N, C-alpha and C. Protein backbone atom coordinates (compact mmCIF):
# COMPACT_ATOMS: atom_id res chain seq x y z
N MET A 1 -53.47 -33.95 89.03
CA MET A 1 -53.57 -32.64 88.84
C MET A 1 -52.63 -31.99 89.52
N LYS A 2 -52.11 -30.71 88.99
CA LYS A 2 -50.88 -30.01 89.56
C LYS A 2 -52.11 -28.83 89.93
N GLN A 3 -52.36 -28.61 91.40
CA GLN A 3 -52.67 -27.50 91.44
C GLN A 3 -52.22 -25.48 91.81
N VAL A 4 -52.89 -24.84 91.17
CA VAL A 4 -52.46 -23.78 91.48
C VAL A 4 -52.94 -22.30 92.38
N ILE A 5 -51.91 -22.74 92.26
CA ILE A 5 -52.78 -21.53 94.02
C ILE A 5 -52.97 -20.10 93.26
N VAL A 6 -53.46 -18.52 93.47
CA VAL A 6 -53.99 -17.98 92.54
C VAL A 6 -53.67 -16.85 93.60
N ASP A 7 -52.55 -15.46 94.08
CA ASP A 7 -52.96 -14.46 95.28
C ASP A 7 -53.82 -13.41 93.87
N PRO A 8 -54.85 -13.04 93.97
CA PRO A 8 -55.91 -12.05 93.51
C PRO A 8 -55.28 -11.01 94.10
N THR A 9 -54.46 -10.39 94.29
CA THR A 9 -54.85 -9.02 95.23
C THR A 9 -53.35 -7.93 94.79
N ASP A 10 -52.21 -9.45 94.30
CA ASP A 10 -51.13 -8.36 93.96
C ASP A 10 -50.33 -9.73 93.41
N GLU A 11 -50.61 -10.27 91.00
CA GLU A 11 -49.33 -11.09 91.09
C GLU A 11 -48.42 -10.25 90.92
N ARG A 12 -47.58 -9.10 90.45
CA ARG A 12 -46.53 -8.88 89.66
C ARG A 12 -45.16 -9.38 89.51
N VAL A 13 -45.30 -9.62 91.47
CA VAL A 13 -44.29 -10.65 91.85
C VAL A 13 -45.12 -12.29 92.64
N PRO A 14 -45.84 -12.81 92.10
CA PRO A 14 -45.64 -13.73 92.36
C PRO A 14 -45.81 -14.90 93.93
N ILE A 15 -45.80 -15.25 95.25
CA ILE A 15 -45.63 -15.86 96.02
C ILE A 15 -45.38 -17.27 95.65
N ARG A 16 -44.82 -18.58 95.22
CA ARG A 16 -44.63 -19.34 95.43
C ARG A 16 -45.45 -19.94 96.95
N ARG A 17 -46.64 -20.70 97.04
CA ARG A 17 -47.41 -21.80 98.22
C ARG A 17 -47.74 -22.38 97.74
N THR A 18 -47.50 -24.21 98.81
CA THR A 18 -47.84 -24.43 99.10
C THR A 18 -48.95 -25.13 99.93
N LEU A 19 -49.78 -25.91 99.21
CA LEU A 19 -50.89 -26.78 100.00
C LEU A 19 -50.65 -27.92 101.13
N ALA A 20 -50.92 -26.99 102.41
CA ALA A 20 -50.51 -28.41 103.78
C ALA A 20 -50.79 -29.38 103.08
N GLU A 21 -50.22 -30.95 103.60
CA GLU A 21 -50.56 -32.25 103.93
C GLU A 21 -52.27 -32.27 104.11
N ARG A 22 -52.57 -33.19 103.18
CA ARG A 22 -54.52 -33.30 103.38
C ARG A 22 -54.20 -34.66 104.21
N SER A 23 -54.75 -35.21 104.93
CA SER A 23 -55.12 -36.64 105.86
C SER A 23 -56.01 -37.75 105.50
N GLY A 24 -56.91 -37.35 104.36
CA GLY A 24 -57.93 -38.13 103.03
C GLY A 24 -58.79 -37.86 103.78
N GLN A 25 -58.90 -37.37 104.97
CA GLN A 25 -60.38 -37.18 105.96
C GLN A 25 -61.22 -36.53 106.63
N ILE A 26 -61.97 -35.64 106.52
CA ILE A 26 -63.00 -34.20 106.50
C ILE A 26 -63.49 -34.72 107.24
N LYS A 27 -63.18 -34.48 109.21
CA LYS A 27 -63.43 -35.05 111.27
C LYS A 27 -62.75 -33.79 111.85
N GLY A 28 -64.41 -33.47 112.49
CA GLY A 28 -64.17 -32.80 113.66
C GLY A 28 -65.51 -31.25 114.16
N ARG A 29 -65.06 -30.02 113.83
CA ARG A 29 -66.20 -29.21 114.05
C ARG A 29 -65.27 -27.75 112.50
N VAL A 30 -66.55 -27.95 111.45
CA VAL A 30 -67.02 -27.18 110.72
C VAL A 30 -67.25 -25.51 110.98
N ALA A 31 -66.47 -24.44 111.03
CA ALA A 31 -67.45 -23.06 111.31
C ALA A 31 -68.08 -22.55 110.29
N MET A 32 -69.02 -22.45 109.77
CA MET A 32 -69.60 -21.29 108.50
C MET A 32 -69.55 -20.14 108.79
N LEU A 33 -68.95 -19.74 108.22
CA LEU A 33 -68.84 -17.89 108.49
C LEU A 33 -70.18 -17.47 107.50
N ASP A 34 -71.33 -16.72 107.54
CA ASP A 34 -71.41 -16.52 105.94
C ASP A 34 -71.23 -14.43 106.92
N ILE A 35 -70.80 -13.84 106.39
CA ILE A 35 -70.17 -12.44 105.52
C ILE A 35 -71.10 -11.50 106.10
N ALA A 36 -72.32 -11.94 105.80
CA ALA A 36 -73.61 -11.14 105.22
C ALA A 36 -74.19 -10.07 104.55
N LYS A 37 -73.69 -10.36 103.10
CA LYS A 37 -73.65 -10.27 101.78
C LYS A 37 -75.28 -11.19 101.72
N PRO A 38 -76.42 -10.63 101.02
CA PRO A 38 -77.57 -10.20 100.66
C PRO A 38 -76.88 -12.38 99.75
N ARG A 39 -78.58 -13.11 100.37
CA ARG A 39 -78.76 -14.59 100.05
C ARG A 39 -77.15 -14.93 101.13
N GLY A 40 -75.63 -14.57 101.06
CA GLY A 40 -74.95 -15.67 101.58
C GLY A 40 -75.97 -16.70 102.60
N ASP A 41 -77.02 -16.89 103.37
CA ASP A 41 -77.44 -17.11 104.41
C ASP A 41 -78.55 -18.42 103.65
N VAL A 42 -79.05 -18.49 102.38
CA VAL A 42 -78.23 -19.62 100.90
C VAL A 42 -77.89 -19.85 100.98
N LEU A 43 -77.13 -19.36 100.41
CA LEU A 43 -75.63 -20.28 99.99
C LEU A 43 -75.35 -21.70 101.48
N MET A 44 -75.39 -20.67 102.00
CA MET A 44 -74.85 -22.13 103.02
C MET A 44 -75.40 -22.62 103.90
N ASN A 45 -77.24 -22.45 104.27
CA ASN A 45 -78.02 -23.87 104.57
C ASN A 45 -78.46 -24.71 103.26
N ARG A 46 -77.49 -24.20 102.18
CA ARG A 46 -77.78 -25.35 100.84
C ARG A 46 -76.03 -26.21 100.90
N LEU A 47 -75.54 -25.84 101.72
CA LEU A 47 -73.63 -25.89 101.29
C LEU A 47 -73.75 -26.72 102.99
N ALA A 48 -74.91 -26.30 104.12
CA ALA A 48 -75.04 -27.35 105.28
C ALA A 48 -75.75 -27.82 104.98
N GLU A 49 -76.84 -28.22 104.96
CA GLU A 49 -77.44 -29.32 104.21
C GLU A 49 -76.32 -30.42 103.31
N HIS A 50 -75.64 -30.05 102.48
CA HIS A 50 -74.75 -30.95 101.56
C HIS A 50 -73.68 -31.08 102.56
N LEU A 51 -73.10 -30.72 103.44
CA LEU A 51 -72.49 -31.16 103.82
C LEU A 51 -72.72 -33.16 105.52
N GLY A 52 -73.72 -32.30 105.54
CA GLY A 52 -74.29 -33.08 106.81
C GLY A 52 -74.61 -34.33 106.47
N LYS A 53 -74.60 -34.28 104.64
CA LYS A 53 -75.10 -35.88 104.79
C LYS A 53 -74.21 -37.17 104.15
N ARG A 54 -73.09 -35.55 103.47
CA ARG A 54 -71.99 -36.63 102.85
C ARG A 54 -71.08 -37.19 103.66
N LEU A 55 -71.15 -36.23 105.33
CA LEU A 55 -70.05 -35.84 106.23
C LEU A 55 -70.15 -36.29 107.95
N PRO A 56 -70.93 -37.48 107.51
CA PRO A 56 -71.72 -37.42 108.75
C PRO A 56 -71.17 -37.64 110.31
N ALA A 57 -69.84 -36.85 110.05
CA ALA A 57 -68.76 -37.81 111.01
C ALA A 57 -68.24 -36.21 111.64
N VAL A 58 -69.14 -34.98 110.85
CA VAL A 58 -67.76 -33.20 110.75
C VAL A 58 -69.57 -32.60 112.04
N GLU A 59 -69.67 -32.22 113.09
CA GLU A 59 -69.90 -30.99 113.49
C GLU A 59 -70.13 -29.47 112.63
N ILE A 60 -71.54 -29.00 112.33
CA ILE A 60 -71.77 -28.15 111.93
C ILE A 60 -72.04 -26.71 112.51
N LYS A 61 -70.88 -25.72 112.69
CA LYS A 61 -71.63 -24.43 114.19
C LYS A 61 -71.86 -23.09 113.07
N ARG A 62 -72.62 -22.59 112.60
CA ARG A 62 -72.49 -20.97 112.54
C ARG A 62 -72.55 -20.58 113.23
N TYR A 63 -72.01 -19.38 112.38
CA TYR A 63 -71.28 -18.28 112.58
C TYR A 63 -72.19 -16.31 111.50
N ARG A 64 -71.99 -15.11 111.92
CA ARG A 64 -72.70 -14.62 111.09
C ARG A 64 -71.62 -13.39 111.51
N LYS A 65 -71.19 -12.88 110.82
CA LYS A 65 -70.58 -11.61 110.57
C LYS A 65 -71.94 -10.37 110.98
N PRO A 66 -71.42 -9.32 111.46
CA PRO A 66 -72.54 -7.91 111.63
C PRO A 66 -72.89 -7.64 110.19
N THR A 67 -71.81 -7.32 109.60
CA THR A 67 -71.04 -6.10 108.35
C THR A 67 -71.05 -6.90 107.36
N PHE A 68 -70.52 -7.02 105.82
CA PHE A 68 -69.67 -7.87 104.96
C PHE A 68 -68.98 -6.38 104.75
N THR A 69 -69.50 -4.98 105.03
CA THR A 69 -68.45 -3.88 104.73
C THR A 69 -66.90 -3.65 106.03
N LYS A 70 -66.76 -5.17 106.65
CA LYS A 70 -66.25 -4.39 107.92
C LYS A 70 -65.35 -6.42 108.78
N PRO A 71 -64.30 -6.25 108.47
CA PRO A 71 -64.32 -7.62 108.97
C PRO A 71 -64.81 -7.90 110.22
N ALA A 72 -64.37 -9.06 109.95
CA ALA A 72 -64.86 -10.12 111.35
C ALA A 72 -64.39 -9.31 113.03
N PRO A 73 -64.94 -8.99 114.04
CA PRO A 73 -65.01 -8.81 115.24
C PRO A 73 -64.00 -8.95 115.82
N GLU A 74 -63.43 -8.58 116.18
CA GLU A 74 -62.34 -9.39 116.79
C GLU A 74 -62.71 -11.19 118.20
N GLU A 75 -63.37 -10.80 118.78
CA GLU A 75 -64.73 -11.23 119.65
C GLU A 75 -64.72 -13.07 118.76
N LEU A 76 -65.52 -12.68 117.47
CA LEU A 76 -66.18 -13.75 116.83
C LEU A 76 -65.28 -14.42 115.78
N ARG A 77 -63.99 -13.80 115.51
CA ARG A 77 -63.40 -14.79 115.19
C ARG A 77 -61.98 -15.62 116.26
N ARG A 78 -62.05 -15.03 117.62
CA ARG A 78 -61.66 -15.35 118.64
C ARG A 78 -62.04 -16.96 118.87
N ARG A 79 -63.21 -16.49 118.85
CA ARG A 79 -64.79 -18.06 119.08
C ARG A 79 -64.51 -18.79 117.67
N ILE A 80 -64.80 -18.66 116.97
CA ILE A 80 -64.22 -19.27 115.86
C ILE A 80 -63.34 -20.44 115.67
N ALA A 81 -62.33 -19.72 116.10
CA ALA A 81 -60.75 -20.86 116.36
C ALA A 81 -60.92 -21.32 117.60
N GLU A 82 -61.93 -20.90 118.43
CA GLU A 82 -61.74 -22.24 119.94
C GLU A 82 -62.13 -23.03 118.94
N GLU A 83 -63.72 -22.92 118.85
CA GLU A 83 -64.68 -23.63 118.57
C GLU A 83 -65.06 -24.48 116.70
N SER A 84 -63.41 -24.67 116.09
CA SER A 84 -63.68 -24.82 115.03
C SER A 84 -62.18 -25.37 114.55
N ASP A 85 -62.41 -26.90 113.93
CA ASP A 85 -61.15 -27.14 113.93
C ASP A 85 -61.10 -26.47 111.91
N PHE A 86 -61.77 -26.24 111.31
CA PHE A 86 -62.37 -25.97 110.02
C PHE A 86 -63.14 -24.03 109.92
N VAL A 87 -63.36 -24.24 108.55
CA VAL A 87 -63.93 -22.49 108.73
C VAL A 87 -63.80 -22.62 107.38
N ILE A 88 -64.64 -22.68 106.62
CA ILE A 88 -65.66 -22.26 105.04
C ILE A 88 -66.59 -20.29 105.82
N GLU A 89 -66.75 -19.67 105.16
CA GLU A 89 -66.07 -18.59 104.75
C GLU A 89 -66.67 -17.86 102.94
N ALA A 90 -67.98 -17.60 103.63
CA ALA A 90 -68.65 -17.52 101.74
C ALA A 90 -70.03 -15.54 101.40
N LEU A 91 -68.98 -15.74 100.65
CA LEU A 91 -70.73 -14.79 100.00
C LEU A 91 -71.30 -14.80 98.85
N ALA A 92 -72.81 -14.45 98.11
CA ALA A 92 -73.08 -14.72 97.68
C ALA A 92 -74.45 -12.79 97.48
N ASP A 93 -74.18 -13.08 96.82
CA ASP A 93 -75.29 -11.91 96.45
C ASP A 93 -76.77 -12.67 95.60
């Protein structure tokens, strides 16, 4: 199955991108970043529960932005980068 990556910001001149190679395994430290939208924590709780059952070699660390209206503070981004191998960012309303 061919994967297509779509850039939602502007497609008048599409940018060609390729996916990074996949190892076939997910292990290490996964950061879960809640962007602070309503019910985002509900989504992240369910996802963390699901990942914990399916991927026992993964350590899940939870983070939360102070507000969804602004980018994550530099200190939070730096901490996530230092403490994690992967990042899952999710929102919900």
